[in-house]
Amino acid sequence: MKIQLTAVFLKVPEGYTGFVEELPGANTQGATLEEARENLEEAITLVLEANRTLSRESLQGQEVVRDLEIPEP
């Protein structure tokens, strides 16, 4: 399955800010557009890892089923 995310970049006096529309918390900034893009990729990874950790911690001790593949809509 391939997930498509939308990166949005805004020109600001300091360079660029960026965020992902579909992933709250994934935002960044950079002096150049390329730097902002690279930083946003890292932010996406960090947000997903943090969400996974928080989920596992909150479900610890409970009987759960994890399904790694979600069918495309």
PDB file of N, CA and C in Angstrom:
ATOM      1  N   MET A   1       0.842  -1.173   0.000  1.00  0.00           N
ATOM      2  CA  MET A   1       0.000   0.000   0.000  1.00  0.00           C
ATOM      3  C   MET A   1       0.893   1.244   0.000  1.00  0.00           C
ATOM      4  N   LYS A   2       0.541   2.198  -0.792  1.00  0.00           N
ATOM      5  CA  LYS A   2       1.270   3.452  -0.865  1.00  0.00           C
ATOM      6  C   LYS A   2       0.385   4.555  -0.294  1.00  0.00           C
ATOM      7  N   ILE A   3       0.935   5.294   0.658  1.00  0.00           N
ATOM      8  CA  ILE A   3       0.205   6.403   1.258  1.00  0.00           C
ATOM      9  C   ILE A   3       0.691   7.694   0.611  1.00  0.00           C
ATOM     10  N   GLN A   4      -0.241   8.523   0.228  1.00  0.00           N
ATOM     11  CA  GLN A   4       0.115   9.808  -0.366  1.00  0.00           C
ATOM     12  C   GLN A   4      -0.165  10.906   0.644  1.00  0.00           C
ATOM     13  N   LEU A   5       0.859  11.673   0.971  1.00  0.00           N
ATOM     14  CA  LEU A   5       0.734  12.788   1.886  1.00  0.00           C
ATOM     15  C   LEU A   5       0.967  14.087   1.125  1.00  0.00           C
ATOM     16  N   THR A   6       0.350  15.157   1.607  1.00  0.00           N
ATOM     17  CA  THR A   6       0.468  16.448   0.951  1.00  0.00           C
ATOM     18  C   THR A   6       1.355  17.373   1.779  1.00  0.00           C
ATOM     19  N   ALA A   7       2.508  17.722   1.242  1.00  0.00           N
ATOM     20  CA  ALA A   7       3.404  18.668   1.899  1.00  0.00           C
ATOM     21  C   ALA A   7       3.063  20.068   1.400  1.00  0.00           C
ATOM     22  N   VAL A   8       2.947  21.001   2.334  1.00  0.00           N
ATOM     23  CA  VAL A   8       2.643  22.389   2.008  1.00  0.00           C
ATOM     24  C   VAL A   8       3.803  23.242   2.522  1.00  0.00           C
ATOM     25  N   PHE A   9       4.332  24.097   1.671  1.00  0.00           N
ATOM     26  CA  PHE A   9       5.448  24.971   2.038  1.00  0.00           C
ATOM     27  C   PHE A   9       5.038  26.422   1.855  1.00  0.00           C
ATOM     28  N   LEU A  10       5.385  27.230   2.837  1.00  0.00           N
ATOM     29  CA  LEU A  10       5.072  28.655   2.798  1.00  0.00           C
ATOM     30  C   LEU A  10       6.368  29.445   2.816  1.00  0.00           C
ATOM     31  N   LYS A  11       6.468  30.420   1.944  1.00  0.00           N
ATOM     32  CA  LYS A  11       7.633  31.308   1.920  1.00  0.00           C
ATOM     33  C   LYS A  11       7.468  32.323   3.046  1.00  0.00           C
ATOM     34  N   VAL A  12       8.482  32.421   3.894  1.00  0.00           N
ATOM     35  CA  VAL A  12       8.500  33.383   4.997  1.00  0.00           C
ATOM     36  C   VAL A  12       9.825  34.146   4.930  1.00  0.00           C
ATOM     37  N   PRO A  13       9.946  35.260   5.631  1.00  0.00           N
ATOM     38  CA  PRO A  13      11.194  36.034   5.551  1.00  0.00           C
ATOM     39  C   PRO A  13      12.447  35.223   5.888  1.00  0.00           C
ATOM     40  N   GLU A  14      12.324  34.248   6.796  1.00  0.00           N
ATOM     41  CA  GLU A  14      13.477  33.441   7.202  1.00  0.00           C
ATOM     42  C   GLU A  14      13.784  32.292   6.246  1.00  0.00           C
ATOM     43  N   GLY A  15      12.921  32.045   5.280  1.00  0.00           N
ATOM     44  CA  GLY A  15      13.091  30.923   4.350  1.00  0.00           C
ATOM     45  C   GLY A  15      11.759  30.289   4.034  1.00  0.00           C
ATOM     46  N   TYR A  16      11.540  29.045   4.533  1.00  0.00           N
ATOM     47  CA  TYR A  16      10.299  28.321   4.269  1.00  0.00           C
ATOM     48  C   TYR A  16       9.852  27.585   5.528  1.00  0.00           C
ATOM     49  N   THR A  17       8.544  27.522   5.714  1.00  0.00           N
ATOM     50  CA  THR A  17       7.967  26.625   6.705  1.00  0.00           C
ATOM     51  C   THR A  17       7.190  25.574   5.937  1.00  0.00           C
ATOM     52  N   GLY A  18       7.050  24.410   6.518  1.00  0.00           N
ATOM     53  CA  GLY A  18       6.333  23.344   5.838  1.00  0.00           C
ATOM     54  C   GLY A  18       5.572  22.473   6.823  1.00  0.00           C
ATOM     55  N   PHE A  19       4.499  21.875   6.333  1.00  0.00           N
ATOM     56  CA  PHE A  19       3.720  20.951   7.151  1.00  0.00           C
ATOM     57  C   PHE A  19       3.043  19.932   6.250  1.00  0.00           C
ATOM     58  N   VAL A  20       2.547  18.863   6.859  1.00  0.00           N
ATOM     59  CA  VAL A  20       1.818  17.822   6.129  1.00  0.00           C
ATOM     60  C   VAL A  20       0.344  17.953   6.490  1.00  0.00           C
ATOM     61  N   GLU A  21      -0.506  18.148   5.490  1.00  0.00           N
ATOM     62  CA  GLU A  21      -1.931  18.351   5.739  1.00  0.00           C
ATOM     63  C   GLU A  21      -2.559  17.191   6.496  1.00  0.00           C
ATOM     64  N   GLU A  22      -2.171  15.974   6.171  1.00  0.00           N
ATOM     65  CA  GLU A  22      -2.817  14.783   6.721  1.00  0.00           C
ATOM     66  C   GLU A  22      -2.188  14.273   8.021  1.00  0.00           C
ATOM     67  N   LEU A  23      -1.134  14.916   8.498  1.00  0.00           N
ATOM     68  CA  LEU A  23      -0.411  14.393   9.658  1.00  0.00           C
ATOM     69  C   LEU A  23      -0.106  15.519  10.646  1.00  0.00           C
ATOM     70  N   PRO A  24      -1.053  15.800  11.546  1.00  0.00           N
ATOM     71  CA  PRO A  24      -0.823  16.856  12.536  1.00  0.00           C
ATOM     72  C   PRO A  24       0.480  16.622  13.297  1.00  0.00           C
ATOM     73  N   GLY A  25       1.218  17.682  13.509  1.00  0.00           N
ATOM     74  CA  GLY A  25       2.473  17.590  14.229  1.00  0.00           C
ATOM     75  C   GLY A  25       3.684  17.483  13.333  1.00  0.00           C
ATOM     76  N   ALA A  26       3.483  17.136  12.079  1.00  0.00           N
ATOM     77  CA  ALA A  26       4.599  17.041  11.136  1.00  0.00           C
ATOM     78  C   ALA A  26       4.771  18.402  10.477  1.00  0.00           C
ATOM     79  N   ASN A  27       5.649  19.205  11.056  1.00  0.00           N
ATOM     80  CA  ASN A  27       5.914  20.528  10.501  1.00  0.00           C
ATOM     81  C   ASN A  27       7.375  20.867  10.725  1.00  0.00           C
ATOM     82  N   THR A  28       7.859  21.843   9.962  1.00  0.00           N
ATOM     83  CA  THR A  28       9.283  22.163  10.011  1.00  0.00           C
ATOM     84  C   THR A  28       9.543  23.525   9.407  1.00  0.00           C
ATOM     85  N   GLN A  29      10.812  23.841   9.314  1.00  0.00           N
ATOM     86  CA  GLN A  29      11.236  25.065   8.634  1.00  0.00           C
ATOM     87  C   GLN A  29      12.620  24.843   8.052  1.00  0.00           C
ATOM     88  N   GLY A  30      13.022  25.717   7.167  1.00  0.00           N
ATOM     89  CA  GLY A  30      14.351  25.630   6.570  1.00  0.00           C
ATOM     90  C   GLY A  30      14.707  26.930   5.881  1.00  0.00           C
ATOM     91  N   ALA A  31      15.996  27.175   5.759  1.00  0.00           N
ATOM     92  CA  ALA A  31      16.459  28.394   5.099  1.00  0.00           C
ATOM     93  C   ALA A  31      16.147  28.366   3.609  1.00  0.00           C
ATOM     94  N   THR A  32      16.128  27.152   3.027  1.00  0.00           N
ATOM     95  CA  THR A  32      15.804  26.976   1.609  1.00  0.00           C
ATOM     96  C   THR A  32      14.662  25.985   1.487  1.00  0.00           C
ATOM     97  N   LEU A  33      14.049  25.954   0.321  1.00  0.00           N
ATOM     98  CA  LEU A  33      12.970  24.996   0.095  1.00  0.00           C
ATOM     99  C   LEU A  33      13.497  23.568   0.212  1.00  0.00           C
ATOM    100  N   GLU A  34      14.667  23.308  -0.329  1.00  0.00           N
ATOM    101  CA  GLU A  34      15.249  21.960  -0.251  1.00  0.00           C
ATOM    102  C   GLU A  34      15.493  21.560   1.200  1.00  0.00           C
ATOM    103  N   GLU A  35      16.015  22.470   1.998  1.00  0.00           N
ATOM    104  CA  GLU A  35      16.254  22.170   3.415  1.00  0.00           C
ATOM    105  C   GLU A  35      14.934  21.899   4.137  1.00  0.00           C
ATOM    106  N   ALA A  36      13.919  22.689   3.843  1.00  0.00           N
ATOM    107  CA  ALA A  36      12.605  22.476   4.461  1.00  0.00           C
ATOM    108  C   ALA A  36      12.038  21.116   4.058  1.00  0.00           C
ATOM    109  N   ARG A  37      12.207  20.717   2.804  1.00  0.00           N
ATOM    110  CA  ARG A  37      11.739  19.400   2.349  1.00  0.00           C
ATOM    111  C   ARG A  37      12.445  18.278   3.105  1.00  0.00           C
ATOM    112  N   GLU A  38      13.762  18.380   3.212  1.00  0.00           N
ATOM    113  CA  GLU A  38      14.533  17.354   3.925  1.00  0.00           C
ATOM    114  C   GLU A  38      14.111  17.291   5.394  1.00  0.00           C
ATOM    115  N   ASN A  39      13.941  18.455   6.006  1.00  0.00           N
ATOM    116  CA  ASN A  39      13.535  18.494   7.404  1.00  0.00           C
ATOM    117  C   ASN A  39      12.133  17.918   7.598  1.00  0.00           C
ATOM    118  N   LEU A  40      11.255  18.143   6.624  1.00  0.00           N
ATOM    119  CA  LEU A  40       9.895  17.625   6.737  1.00  0.00           C
ATOM    120  C   LEU A  40       9.878  16.100   6.650  1.00  0.00           C
ATOM    121  N   GLU A  41      10.712  15.537   5.812  1.00  0.00           N
ATOM    122  CA  GLU A  41      10.801  14.072   5.740  1.00  0.00           C
ATOM    123  C   GLU A  41      11.208  13.502   7.094  1.00  0.00           C
ATOM    124  N   GLU A  42      12.164  14.148   7.743  1.00  0.00           N
ATOM    125  CA  GLU A  42      12.591  13.702   9.067  1.00  0.00           C
ATOM    126  C   GLU A  42      11.462  13.883  10.090  1.00  0.00           C
ATOM    127  N   ALA A  43      10.742  15.001  10.006  1.00  0.00           N
ATOM    128  CA  ALA A  43       9.633  15.254  10.925  1.00  0.00           C
ATOM    129  C   ALA A  43       8.550  14.193  10.781  1.00  0.00           C
ATOM    130  N   ILE A  44       8.249  13.784   9.549  1.00  0.00           N
ATOM    131  CA  ILE A  44       7.248  12.744   9.314  1.00  0.00           C
ATOM    132  C   ILE A  44       7.671  11.452  10.004  1.00  0.00           C
ATOM    133  N   THR A  45       8.924  11.069   9.820  1.00  0.00           N
ATOM    134  CA  THR A  45       9.437   9.846  10.448  1.00  0.00           C
ATOM    135  C   THR A  45       9.324   9.931  11.964  1.00  0.00           C
ATOM    136  N   LEU A  46       9.717  11.066  12.531  1.00  0.00           N
ATOM    137  CA  LEU A  46       9.678  11.227  13.990  1.00  0.00           C
ATOM    138  C   LEU A  46       8.252  11.192  14.534  1.00  0.00           C
ATOM    139  N   VAL A  47       7.311  11.834  13.845  1.00  0.00           N
ATOM    140  CA  VAL A  47       5.919  11.835  14.295  1.00  0.00           C
ATOM    141  C   VAL A  47       5.347  10.420  14.247  1.00  0.00           C
ATOM    142  N   LEU A  48       5.604   9.695  13.164  1.00  0.00           N
ATOM    143  CA  LEU A  48       5.085   8.328  13.058  1.00  0.00           C
ATOM    144  C   LEU A  48       5.683   7.426  14.131  1.00  0.00           C
ATOM    145  N   GLU A  49       6.987   7.554  14.380  1.00  0.00           N
ATOM    146  CA  GLU A  49       7.625   6.744  15.422  1.00  0.00           C
ATOM    147  C   GLU A  49       7.053   7.086  16.796  1.00  0.00           C
ATOM    148  N   ALA A  50       6.861   8.368  17.078  1.00  0.00           N
ATOM    149  CA  ALA A  50       6.314   8.788  18.367  1.00  0.00           C
ATOM    150  C   ALA A  50       4.889   8.277  18.538  1.00  0.00           C
ATOM    151  N   ASN A  51       4.075   8.379  17.483  1.00  0.00           N
ATOM    152  CA  ASN A  51       2.697   7.885  17.557  1.00  0.00           C
ATOM    153  C   ASN A  51       2.660   6.383  17.805  1.00  0.00           C
ATOM    154  N   ARG A  52       3.545   5.652  17.151  1.00  0.00           N
ATOM    155  CA  ARG A  52       3.605   4.202  17.338  1.00  0.00           C
ATOM    156  C   ARG A  52       3.972   3.871  18.781  1.00  0.00           C
ATOM    157  N   THR A  53       4.955   4.567  19.315  1.00  0.00           N
ATOM    158  CA  THR A  53       5.384   4.340  20.698  1.00  0.00           C
ATOM    159  C   THR A  53       4.260   4.659  21.683  1.00  0.00           C
ATOM    160  N   LEU A  54       3.609   5.795  21.503  1.00  0.00           N
ATOM    161  CA  LEU A  54       2.508   6.170  22.389  1.00  0.00           C
ATOM    162  C   LEU A  54       1.371   5.163  22.335  1.00  0.00           C
ATOM    163  N   SER A  55       1.065   4.685  21.146  1.00  0.00           N
ATOM    164  CA  SER A  55       0.007   3.695  20.993  1.00  0.00           C
ATOM    165  C   SER A  55       0.355   2.401  21.713  1.00  0.00           C
ATOM    166  N   ARG A  56       1.564   1.914  21.503  1.00  0.00           N
ATOM    167  CA  ARG A  56       1.995   0.667  22.159  1.00  0.00           C
ATOM    168  C   ARG A  56       1.981   0.818  23.677  1.00  0.00           C
ATOM    169  N   GLU A  57       2.421   1.964  24.178  1.00  0.00           N
ATOM    170  CA  GLU A  57       2.421   2.186  25.624  1.00  0.00           C
ATOM    171  C   GLU A  57       1.005   2.229  26.180  1.00  0.00           C
ATOM    172  N   SER A  58       0.087   2.881  25.474  1.00  0.00           N
ATOM    173  CA  SER A  58      -1.285   3.009  25.972  1.00  0.00           C
ATOM    174  C   SER A  58      -2.045   1.682  25.907  1.00  0.00           C
ATOM    175  N   LEU A  59      -1.611   0.776  25.033  1.00  0.00           N
ATOM    176  CA  LEU A  59      -2.284  -0.520  24.890  1.00  0.00           C
ATOM    177  C   LEU A  59      -1.585  -1.642  25.644  1.00  0.00           C
ATOM    178  N   GLN A  60      -0.499  -1.324  26.302  1.00  0.00           N
ATOM    179  CA  GLN A  60       0.288  -2.338  26.996  1.00  0.00           C
ATOM    180  C   GLN A  60      -0.590  -3.084  28.008  1.00  0.00           C
ATOM    181  N   GLY A  61      -0.471  -4.398  27.977  1.00  0.00           N
ATOM    182  CA  GLY A  61      -1.226  -5.243  28.884  1.00  0.00           C
ATOM    183  C   GLY A  61      -2.604  -5.630  28.374  1.00  0.00           C
ATOM    184  N   GLN A  62      -3.005  -5.078  27.234  1.00  0.00           N
ATOM    185  CA  GLN A  62      -4.311  -5.408  26.662  1.00  0.00           C
ATOM    186  C   GLN A  62      -4.124  -6.383  25.507  1.00  0.00           C
ATOM    187  N   GLU A  63      -5.161  -7.173  25.268  1.00  0.00           N
ATOM    188  CA  GLU A  63      -5.126  -8.087  24.130  1.00  0.00           C
ATOM    189  C   GLU A  63      -5.489  -7.298  22.878  1.00  0.00           C
ATOM    190  N   VAL A  64      -4.546  -7.209  21.948  1.00  0.00           N
ATOM    191  CA  VAL A  64      -4.768  -6.449  20.720  1.00  0.00           C
ATOM    192  C   VAL A  64      -4.384  -7.293  19.507  1.00  0.00           C
ATOM    193  N   VAL A  65      -4.933  -6.935  18.381  1.00  0.00           N
ATOM    194  CA  VAL A  65      -4.553  -7.527  17.101  1.00  0.00           C
ATOM    195  C   VAL A  65      -3.994  -6.387  16.266  1.00  0.00           C
ATOM    196  N   ARG A  66      -2.787  -6.552  15.794  1.00  0.00           N
ATOM    197  CA  ARG A  66      -2.176  -5.539  14.931  1.00  0.00           C
ATOM    198  C   ARG A  66      -2.215  -6.042  13.498  1.00  0.00           C
ATOM    199  N   ASP A  67      -2.784  -5.251  12.624  1.00  0.00           N
ATOM    200  CA  ASP A  67      -2.888  -5.595  11.214  1.00  0.00           C
ATOM    201  C   ASP A  67      -1.990  -4.638  10.450  1.00  0.00           C
ATOM    202  N   LEU A  68      -0.940  -5.138   9.852  1.00  0.00           N
ATOM    203  CA  LEU A  68       0.036  -4.277   9.214  1.00  0.00           C
ATOM    204  C   LEU A  68      -0.374  -3.796   7.821  1.00  0.00           C
ATOM    205  N   GLU A  69      -1.346  -4.416   7.242  1.00  0.00           N
ATOM    206  CA  GLU A  69      -1.764  -4.000   5.907  1.00  0.00           C
ATOM    207  C   GLU A  69      -3.202  -3.539   5.956  1.00  0.00           C
ATOM    208  N   ILE A  70      -3.409  -2.324   5.504  1.00  0.00           N
ATOM    209  CA  ILE A  70      -4.744  -1.750   5.426  1.00  0.00           C
ATOM    210  C   ILE A  70      -5.100  -1.629   3.957  1.00  0.00           C
ATOM    211  N   PRO A  71      -6.230  -2.197   3.546  1.00  0.00           N
ATOM    212  CA  PRO A  71      -6.573  -2.118   2.115  1.00  0.00           C
ATOM    213  C   PRO A  71      -6.830  -0.688   1.683  1.00  0.00           C
ATOM    214  N   GLU A  72      -6.482  -0.416   0.439  1.00  0.00           N
ATOM    215  CA  GLU A  72      -6.706   0.921  -0.119  1.00  0.00           C
ATOM    216  C   GLU A  72      -8.201   1.135  -0.291  1.00  0.00           C
ATOM    217  N   PRO A  73      -8.647   2.386  -0.085  1.00  0.00           N
ATOM    218  CA  PRO A  73     -10.094   2.691  -0.252  1.00  0.00           C
ATOM    219  C   PRO A  73     -10.522   2.599  -1.693  1.00  0.00           C
TER     220      PRO A  73
END
